[in-house]
Each structure stands twice: as C-alpha cells, then as structure tokens.
Amino acid sequence: MNDDTSQPPSFGLLLRQVFDELVRRLDASMAEENLGIGFTHYLGLKKLSVMAPCTAVELANAIDQVPSAVTRLLDRLEALGCVRREPHALDRRALQIVMTDEGHALWQRLKRRGDQTIDVAMRDLDAAERAQLLSLLIRVRDSLCLP
C-alpha cells in the first residue's frame, strides 16, 4: 500500500489507511446481508445495542455524526424493523430510539462480521503482539485526550 518504500508511512497516514481498509472490508462483508447498509449503520447499531433507549441527538453525539445524518440512518434502520421511535418517557417533546428484537439479531450478525474483519486484519500477530498493539494504541489515545 505504501508506494515509497524508502521511508515508512507517517503515523497519521498509517492509521488512516488501516481504518479505511477495515471499513472497506466490513462494508463488503455487510453487503452480503443485502440490506443496503454500511459502516455508519454498523456504528449506529453497535451504540444502540448498549445505549437504547436514547434520543437521536444522543446517538449522533455517540457516533460523531450530525443529526441529519443520524435521521437518515434511523430511517433506514426503522425501515428494516431494527428500531422504533417512541415518545420519550420523560420529555413529551422528544422521541426515543428503541432497538427491536430484529435490531438486536442484526447487530449480532454484524458484530460477528466485524469480529471476523478484525481477525483477518490481525491474523499475522500472535496473542502477545495483539495485546501489545492494543495497549500502545490505548496509550496514544489517552495521551491525546489529556487536557
């Protein structure tokens, strides 16, 4: 993937390349479901599986998307029977997003696809190397999150 073999890729570029390839492979795997969904739907279902019921704004914040993008995401998931919009329990003006049994079942299928994609990505690493890679990435993330 790196055309210039004389120098290693920059850290940021390498992270972006890894992310892009993971998304591409996961999208290709999810296409086998024939549901017309992609990576953002994967993220939405992942977050909803632990957050629901929640509002669309809460979901948008959790997956770092603008509310209009989350509205489209939820429209698709609702059309697939994965979520329902219901009156909010505490705020009559708001709706909350509830994940259906179909949504939980789809999330489990997509989670398996995501796990398989990660396994392919890390197939050349032994258990100790996988643990070390995760530890190093956590340290980098945490150092960026400092005030």
N, C-alpha and C. Protein backbone atom coordinates (compact mmCIF):
# COMPACT_ATOMS: atom_id res chain seq x y z
N MET A 1 0.82 -1.19 0.00
CA MET A 1 0.00 0.00 0.00
C MET A 1 0.87 1.26 0.00
N ASN A 2 2.05 1.19 0.59
CA ASN A 2 2.96 2.34 0.62
C ASN A 2 3.81 2.32 -0.64
N ASP A 3 3.66 3.32 -1.52
CA ASP A 3 4.39 3.36 -2.78
C ASP A 3 5.86 3.72 -2.57
N ASP A 4 6.17 4.52 -1.57
CA ASP A 4 7.54 4.94 -1.31
C ASP A 4 8.13 4.02 -0.25
N THR A 5 8.89 3.02 -0.67
CA THR A 5 9.43 2.04 0.27
C THR A 5 10.68 2.53 0.99
N SER A 6 11.19 3.71 0.60
CA SER A 6 12.39 4.22 1.26
C SER A 6 12.10 4.79 2.64
N GLN A 7 10.87 5.20 2.89
CA GLN A 7 10.51 5.75 4.19
C GLN A 7 9.20 5.13 4.65
N PRO A 8 9.09 4.86 5.95
CA PRO A 8 7.82 4.33 6.45
C PRO A 8 6.74 5.41 6.36
N PRO A 9 5.47 5.00 6.26
CA PRO A 9 4.40 6.00 6.21
C PRO A 9 4.31 6.75 7.53
N SER A 10 3.77 7.94 7.48
CA SER A 10 3.59 8.70 8.70
C SER A 10 2.57 8.00 9.59
N PHE A 11 2.65 8.26 10.86
CA PHE A 11 1.74 7.64 11.83
C PHE A 11 0.29 7.91 11.46
N GLY A 12 -0.04 9.17 11.18
CA GLY A 12 -1.41 9.54 10.85
C GLY A 12 -1.89 8.87 9.57
N LEU A 13 -1.04 8.85 8.56
CA LEU A 13 -1.41 8.21 7.30
C LEU A 13 -1.63 6.71 7.50
N LEU A 14 -0.76 6.09 8.26
CA LEU A 14 -0.89 4.66 8.52
C LEU A 14 -2.19 4.35 9.26
N LEU A 15 -2.52 5.14 10.26
CA LEU A 15 -3.79 4.94 10.97
C LEU A 15 -4.96 5.08 10.02
N ARG A 16 -4.91 6.08 9.15
CA ARG A 16 -6.00 6.31 8.20
C ARG A 16 -6.13 5.15 7.21
N GLN A 17 -5.00 4.64 6.74
CA GLN A 17 -5.03 3.52 5.81
C GLN A 17 -5.61 2.27 6.46
N VAL A 18 -5.23 2.01 7.70
CA VAL A 18 -5.77 0.85 8.42
C VAL A 18 -7.28 1.02 8.60
N PHE A 19 -7.70 2.20 9.05
CA PHE A 19 -9.12 2.45 9.24
C PHE A 19 -9.90 2.29 7.94
N ASP A 20 -9.41 2.91 6.88
CA ASP A 20 -10.11 2.85 5.59
C ASP A 20 -10.25 1.41 5.10
N GLU A 21 -9.20 0.62 5.24
CA GLU A 21 -9.25 -0.77 4.77
C GLU A 21 -10.19 -1.61 5.64
N LEU A 22 -10.20 -1.38 6.94
CA LEU A 22 -11.14 -2.08 7.82
C LEU A 22 -12.58 -1.77 7.42
N VAL A 23 -12.86 -0.50 7.18
CA VAL A 23 -14.21 -0.08 6.79
C VAL A 23 -14.57 -0.71 5.44
N ARG A 24 -13.64 -0.68 4.49
CA ARG A 24 -13.91 -1.25 3.17
C ARG A 24 -14.24 -2.74 3.27
N ARG A 25 -13.45 -3.46 4.04
CA ARG A 25 -13.68 -4.91 4.18
C ARG A 25 -14.98 -5.20 4.94
N LEU A 26 -15.27 -4.41 5.97
CA LEU A 26 -16.51 -4.62 6.71
C LEU A 26 -17.71 -4.28 5.84
N ASP A 27 -17.63 -3.20 5.08
CA ASP A 27 -18.71 -2.85 4.15
C ASP A 27 -18.95 -3.99 3.16
N ALA A 28 -17.87 -4.56 2.62
CA ALA A 28 -18.01 -5.67 1.66
C ALA A 28 -18.67 -6.87 2.32
N SER A 29 -18.29 -7.15 3.55
CA SER A 29 -18.90 -8.27 4.27
C SER A 29 -20.37 -8.00 4.55
N MET A 30 -20.70 -6.77 4.98
CA MET A 30 -22.09 -6.44 5.29
C MET A 30 -22.96 -6.42 4.04
N ALA A 31 -22.37 -6.16 2.88
CA ALA A 31 -23.13 -6.17 1.62
C ALA A 31 -23.75 -7.54 1.38
N GLU A 32 -23.14 -8.58 1.93
CA GLU A 32 -23.67 -9.93 1.78
C GLU A 32 -25.03 -10.09 2.47
N GLU A 33 -25.35 -9.19 3.38
CA GLU A 33 -26.65 -9.21 4.05
C GLU A 33 -27.77 -8.69 3.13
N ASN A 34 -27.39 -8.00 2.04
CA ASN A 34 -28.34 -7.44 1.07
C ASN A 34 -29.37 -6.51 1.72
N LEU A 35 -28.90 -5.64 2.62
CA LEU A 35 -29.79 -4.74 3.33
C LEU A 35 -29.56 -3.28 2.96
N GLY A 36 -28.57 -3.01 2.16
CA GLY A 36 -28.29 -1.63 1.79
C GLY A 36 -27.79 -0.79 2.95
N ILE A 37 -26.99 -1.39 3.81
CA ILE A 37 -26.44 -0.67 4.95
C ILE A 37 -24.92 -0.70 4.89
N GLY A 38 -24.30 0.24 5.59
CA GLY A 38 -22.84 0.33 5.59
C GLY A 38 -22.29 0.58 6.98
N PHE A 39 -21.05 1.05 7.00
CA PHE A 39 -20.32 1.20 8.25
C PHE A 39 -21.03 2.09 9.26
N THR A 40 -21.63 3.18 8.82
CA THR A 40 -22.31 4.07 9.76
C THR A 40 -23.49 3.36 10.43
N HIS A 41 -24.19 2.51 9.68
CA HIS A 41 -25.27 1.72 10.27
C HIS A 41 -24.70 0.74 11.31
N TYR A 42 -23.54 0.17 10.98
CA TYR A 42 -22.85 -0.72 11.92
C TYR A 42 -22.58 0.02 13.23
N LEU A 43 -22.00 1.23 13.10
CA LEU A 43 -21.71 2.02 14.31
C LEU A 43 -22.99 2.35 15.08
N GLY A 44 -24.03 2.73 14.34
CA GLY A 44 -25.29 3.07 14.99
C GLY A 44 -25.87 1.91 15.76
N LEU A 45 -25.90 0.74 15.14
CA LEU A 45 -26.42 -0.45 15.83
C LEU A 45 -25.54 -0.83 17.01
N LYS A 46 -24.23 -0.69 16.85
CA LYS A 46 -23.31 -1.00 17.95
C LYS A 46 -23.62 -0.13 19.16
N LYS A 47 -23.75 1.18 18.93
CA LYS A 47 -24.04 2.09 20.04
C LYS A 47 -25.43 1.87 20.59
N LEU A 48 -26.41 1.66 19.71
CA LEU A 48 -27.78 1.43 20.18
C LEU A 48 -27.87 0.16 21.02
N SER A 49 -27.06 -0.83 20.72
CA SER A 49 -27.12 -2.09 21.47
C SER A 49 -26.79 -1.89 22.95
N VAL A 50 -26.07 -0.82 23.26
CA VAL A 50 -25.74 -0.55 24.67
C VAL A 50 -26.42 0.70 25.21
N MET A 51 -26.85 1.63 24.33
CA MET A 51 -27.41 2.91 24.77
C MET A 51 -28.94 2.95 24.78
N ALA A 52 -29.56 2.18 23.90
CA ALA A 52 -31.01 2.30 23.71
C ALA A 52 -31.75 1.89 24.97
N PRO A 53 -32.83 2.58 25.26
CA PRO A 53 -33.39 3.69 24.50
C PRO A 53 -32.59 4.99 24.72
N CYS A 54 -32.50 5.75 23.65
CA CYS A 54 -31.81 7.04 23.70
C CYS A 54 -32.43 7.94 22.64
N THR A 55 -32.08 9.20 22.66
CA THR A 55 -32.58 10.12 21.65
C THR A 55 -31.66 10.10 20.43
N ALA A 56 -32.15 10.62 19.33
CA ALA A 56 -31.35 10.70 18.12
C ALA A 56 -30.14 11.61 18.35
N VAL A 57 -30.30 12.66 19.12
CA VAL A 57 -29.19 13.58 19.41
C VAL A 57 -28.12 12.85 20.22
N GLU A 58 -28.53 12.05 21.20
CA GLU A 58 -27.56 11.28 21.98
C GLU A 58 -26.79 10.31 21.09
N LEU A 59 -27.51 9.66 20.18
CA LEU A 59 -26.85 8.74 19.24
C LEU A 59 -25.90 9.50 18.33
N ALA A 60 -26.32 10.64 17.82
CA ALA A 60 -25.47 11.45 16.94
C ALA A 60 -24.17 11.82 17.64
N ASN A 61 -24.27 12.22 18.90
CA ASN A 61 -23.07 12.57 19.67
C ASN A 61 -22.18 11.35 19.87
N ALA A 62 -22.79 10.20 20.13
CA ALA A 62 -22.03 8.99 20.43
C ALA A 62 -21.26 8.48 19.21
N ILE A 63 -21.81 8.69 18.01
CA ILE A 63 -21.12 8.20 16.81
C ILE A 63 -20.51 9.34 15.99
N ASP A 64 -20.49 10.53 16.57
CA ASP A 64 -19.86 11.70 15.96
C ASP A 64 -20.42 11.99 14.57
N GLN A 65 -21.74 12.06 14.50
CA GLN A 65 -22.43 12.38 13.25
C GLN A 65 -23.37 13.56 13.49
N VAL A 66 -23.67 14.28 12.44
CA VAL A 66 -24.63 15.37 12.55
C VAL A 66 -26.03 14.77 12.65
N PRO A 67 -26.95 15.46 13.33
CA PRO A 67 -28.30 14.92 13.50
C PRO A 67 -28.99 14.54 12.19
N SER A 68 -28.79 15.31 11.11
CA SER A 68 -29.46 14.96 9.85
C SER A 68 -28.97 13.62 9.32
N ALA A 69 -27.68 13.31 9.49
CA ALA A 69 -27.15 12.01 9.05
C ALA A 69 -27.74 10.89 9.90
N VAL A 70 -27.91 11.15 11.19
CA VAL A 70 -28.49 10.13 12.08
C VAL A 70 -29.96 9.92 11.76
N THR A 71 -30.65 10.97 11.35
CA THR A 71 -32.06 10.82 10.94
C THR A 71 -32.14 9.86 9.76
N ARG A 72 -31.28 10.02 8.77
CA ARG A 72 -31.27 9.11 7.62
C ARG A 72 -30.90 7.69 8.04
N LEU A 73 -29.92 7.57 8.92
CA LEU A 73 -29.51 6.27 9.43
C LEU A 73 -30.70 5.59 10.12
N LEU A 74 -31.39 6.33 10.98
CA LEU A 74 -32.53 5.77 11.71
C LEU A 74 -33.69 5.45 10.78
N ASP A 75 -33.89 6.27 9.76
CA ASP A 75 -34.94 5.97 8.78
C ASP A 75 -34.69 4.60 8.16
N ARG A 76 -33.44 4.33 7.78
CA ARG A 76 -33.10 3.04 7.16
C ARG A 76 -33.28 1.90 8.16
N LEU A 77 -32.78 2.09 9.38
CA LEU A 77 -32.90 1.04 10.39
C LEU A 77 -34.35 0.79 10.76
N GLU A 78 -35.16 1.85 10.77
CA GLU A 78 -36.58 1.69 11.05
C GLU A 78 -37.27 0.92 9.91
N ALA A 79 -36.90 1.23 8.67
CA ALA A 79 -37.47 0.53 7.52
C ALA A 79 -37.13 -0.96 7.55
N LEU A 80 -35.98 -1.29 8.14
CA LEU A 80 -35.57 -2.70 8.26
C LEU A 80 -36.18 -3.37 9.49
N GLY A 81 -36.91 -2.60 10.31
CA GLY A 81 -37.52 -3.16 11.51
C GLY A 81 -36.56 -3.30 12.68
N CYS A 82 -35.43 -2.60 12.62
CA CYS A 82 -34.41 -2.72 13.66
C CYS A 82 -34.62 -1.78 14.83
N VAL A 83 -35.29 -0.66 14.59
CA VAL A 83 -35.54 0.33 15.64
C VAL A 83 -36.97 0.84 15.53
N ARG A 84 -37.43 1.41 16.63
CA ARG A 84 -38.71 2.12 16.67
C ARG A 84 -38.45 3.47 17.32
N ARG A 85 -39.19 4.47 16.85
CA ARG A 85 -39.18 5.76 17.51
C ARG A 85 -40.43 5.82 18.37
N GLU A 86 -40.25 6.08 19.65
CA GLU A 86 -41.36 6.13 20.60
C GLU A 86 -41.32 7.44 21.37
N PRO A 87 -42.45 7.84 21.92
CA PRO A 87 -42.44 9.03 22.77
C PRO A 87 -41.45 8.84 23.93
N HIS A 88 -40.71 9.89 24.22
CA HIS A 88 -39.73 9.85 25.30
C HIS A 88 -40.46 9.71 26.63
N ALA A 89 -39.93 8.90 27.51
CA ALA A 89 -40.57 8.64 28.79
C ALA A 89 -40.66 9.89 29.68
N LEU A 90 -39.67 10.80 29.56
CA LEU A 90 -39.62 11.96 30.45
C LEU A 90 -39.86 13.29 29.75
N ASP A 91 -39.77 13.33 28.44
CA ASP A 91 -39.90 14.59 27.70
C ASP A 91 -40.91 14.41 26.57
N ARG A 92 -42.09 14.99 26.74
CA ARG A 92 -43.16 14.83 25.75
C ARG A 92 -42.79 15.36 24.37
N ARG A 93 -41.83 16.28 24.32
CA ARG A 93 -41.44 16.88 23.03
C ARG A 93 -40.47 16.00 22.25
N ALA A 94 -39.88 15.03 22.91
CA ALA A 94 -38.82 14.24 22.28
C ALA A 94 -39.26 12.81 21.97
N LEU A 95 -38.51 12.20 21.07
CA LEU A 95 -38.69 10.79 20.77
C LEU A 95 -37.46 10.04 21.27
N GLN A 96 -37.66 8.80 21.64
CA GLN A 96 -36.52 7.97 21.98
C GLN A 96 -36.45 6.82 20.99
N ILE A 97 -35.24 6.37 20.76
CA ILE A 97 -34.99 5.29 19.83
C ILE A 97 -34.90 4.00 20.63
N VAL A 98 -35.71 3.03 20.24
CA VAL A 98 -35.75 1.72 20.90
C VAL A 98 -35.30 0.68 19.89
N MET A 99 -34.42 -0.19 20.31
CA MET A 99 -33.95 -1.26 19.43
C MET A 99 -34.90 -2.44 19.54
N THR A 100 -35.31 -2.99 18.41
CA THR A 100 -36.23 -4.13 18.39
C THR A 100 -35.47 -5.44 18.48
N ASP A 101 -36.20 -6.52 18.63
CA ASP A 101 -35.57 -7.85 18.60
C ASP A 101 -34.84 -8.07 17.28
N GLU A 102 -35.46 -7.61 16.17
CA GLU A 102 -34.81 -7.74 14.87
C GLU A 102 -33.50 -6.95 14.83
N GLY A 103 -33.51 -5.78 15.47
CA GLY A 103 -32.30 -4.97 15.53
C GLY A 103 -31.20 -5.65 16.32
N HIS A 104 -31.57 -6.26 17.45
CA HIS A 104 -30.57 -6.99 18.25
C HIS A 104 -30.02 -8.18 17.47
N ALA A 105 -30.88 -8.87 16.75
CA ALA A 105 -30.43 -10.03 15.95
C ALA A 105 -29.49 -9.57 14.83
N LEU A 106 -29.86 -8.47 14.16
CA LEU A 106 -28.99 -7.97 13.10
C LEU A 106 -27.66 -7.53 13.69
N TRP A 107 -27.69 -6.85 14.83
CA TRP A 107 -26.43 -6.42 15.44
C TRP A 107 -25.54 -7.61 15.73
N GLN A 108 -26.08 -8.70 16.21
CA GLN A 108 -25.27 -9.89 16.49
C GLN A 108 -24.62 -10.42 15.21
N ARG A 109 -25.36 -10.43 14.12
CA ARG A 109 -24.78 -10.88 12.84
C ARG A 109 -23.68 -9.94 12.38
N LEU A 110 -23.94 -8.63 12.48
CA LEU A 110 -22.94 -7.65 12.05
C LEU A 110 -21.72 -7.66 12.97
N LYS A 111 -21.94 -7.89 14.25
CA LYS A 111 -20.82 -7.96 15.19
C LYS A 111 -19.91 -9.12 14.82
N ARG A 112 -20.49 -10.26 14.46
CA ARG A 112 -19.67 -11.40 14.02
C ARG A 112 -18.85 -11.02 12.78
N ARG A 113 -19.48 -10.29 11.86
CA ARG A 113 -18.76 -9.85 10.66
C ARG A 113 -17.62 -8.89 11.04
N GLY A 114 -17.88 -8.00 11.97
CA GLY A 114 -16.84 -7.08 12.44
C GLY A 114 -15.70 -7.81 13.11
N ASP A 115 -16.03 -8.77 13.96
CA ASP A 115 -15.00 -9.57 14.64
C ASP A 115 -14.16 -10.34 13.62
N GLN A 116 -14.80 -10.89 12.60
CA GLN A 116 -14.06 -11.62 11.55
C GLN A 116 -13.14 -10.68 10.79
N THR A 117 -13.59 -9.46 10.54
CA THR A 117 -12.76 -8.48 9.83
C THR A 117 -11.52 -8.14 10.66
N ILE A 118 -11.71 -7.94 11.95
CA ILE A 118 -10.57 -7.66 12.84
C ILE A 118 -9.63 -8.85 12.89
N ASP A 119 -10.18 -10.06 12.94
CA ASP A 119 -9.34 -11.26 12.96
C ASP A 119 -8.47 -11.34 11.71
N VAL A 120 -9.05 -11.02 10.54
CA VAL A 120 -8.28 -11.02 9.30
C VAL A 120 -7.17 -9.96 9.39
N ALA A 121 -7.51 -8.80 9.90
CA ALA A 121 -6.53 -7.71 9.98
C ALA A 121 -5.35 -8.07 10.88
N MET A 122 -5.62 -8.84 11.93
CA MET A 122 -4.57 -9.14 12.90
C MET A 122 -4.09 -10.59 12.82
N ARG A 123 -4.38 -11.26 11.71
CA ARG A 123 -4.04 -12.69 11.58
C ARG A 123 -2.55 -12.97 11.67
N ASP A 124 -1.70 -12.01 11.32
CA ASP A 124 -0.26 -12.24 11.37
C ASP A 124 0.35 -11.89 12.73
N LEU A 125 -0.47 -11.48 13.68
CA LEU A 125 0.01 -11.14 15.01
C LEU A 125 -0.35 -12.25 15.99
N ASP A 126 0.61 -12.61 16.85
CA ASP A 126 0.27 -13.59 17.89
C ASP A 126 -0.45 -12.86 19.02
N ALA A 127 -0.89 -13.61 20.01
CA ALA A 127 -1.69 -13.04 21.11
C ALA A 127 -0.94 -11.92 21.83
N ALA A 128 0.35 -12.12 22.08
CA ALA A 128 1.13 -11.10 22.78
C ALA A 128 1.25 -9.83 21.93
N GLU A 129 1.45 -9.98 20.63
CA GLU A 129 1.55 -8.82 19.75
C GLU A 129 0.22 -8.08 19.66
N ARG A 130 -0.89 -8.82 19.63
CA ARG A 130 -2.20 -8.18 19.61
C ARG A 130 -2.41 -7.36 20.88
N ALA A 131 -2.06 -7.95 22.01
CA ALA A 131 -2.21 -7.25 23.30
C ALA A 131 -1.32 -6.01 23.33
N GLN A 132 -0.10 -6.14 22.83
CA GLN A 132 0.82 -5.00 22.81
C GLN A 132 0.30 -3.89 21.90
N LEU A 133 -0.18 -4.26 20.73
CA LEU A 133 -0.73 -3.26 19.80
C LEU A 133 -1.89 -2.50 20.44
N LEU A 134 -2.81 -3.22 21.06
CA LEU A 134 -3.95 -2.58 21.72
C LEU A 134 -3.48 -1.68 22.85
N SER A 135 -2.53 -2.14 23.63
CA SER A 135 -2.00 -1.35 24.74
C SER A 135 -1.37 -0.06 24.23
N LEU A 136 -0.58 -0.14 23.17
CA LEU A 136 0.07 1.04 22.61
C LEU A 136 -0.96 2.03 22.05
N LEU A 137 -1.96 1.51 21.35
CA LEU A 137 -2.98 2.40 20.80
C LEU A 137 -3.79 3.07 21.91
N ILE A 138 -4.06 2.36 22.98
CA ILE A 138 -4.76 2.95 24.12
C ILE A 138 -3.92 4.07 24.72
N ARG A 139 -2.63 3.86 24.86
CA ARG A 139 -1.75 4.89 25.40
C ARG A 139 -1.73 6.12 24.50
N VAL A 140 -1.66 5.91 23.19
CA VAL A 140 -1.66 7.04 22.25
C VAL A 140 -2.99 7.79 22.37
N ARG A 141 -4.10 7.05 22.37
CA ARG A 141 -5.41 7.70 22.50
C ARG A 141 -5.50 8.49 23.80
N ASP A 142 -5.08 7.88 24.89
CA ASP A 142 -5.18 8.55 26.19
C ASP A 142 -4.29 9.79 26.26
N SER A 143 -3.13 9.74 25.63
CA SER A 143 -2.27 10.93 25.65
C SER A 143 -2.90 12.07 24.85
N LEU A 144 -3.67 11.74 23.84
CA LEU A 144 -4.36 12.77 23.06
C LEU A 144 -5.56 13.33 23.81
N CYS A 145 -6.09 12.58 24.75
CA CYS A 145 -7.29 13.01 25.48
C CYS A 145 -6.95 13.84 26.72
N LEU A 146 -5.68 14.03 26.99
CA LEU A 146 -5.29 14.85 28.14
C LEU A 146 -5.63 16.30 27.87
N PRO A 147 -5.98 17.03 28.94
CA PRO A 147 -6.32 18.46 28.76
C PRO A 147 -5.14 19.29 28.30
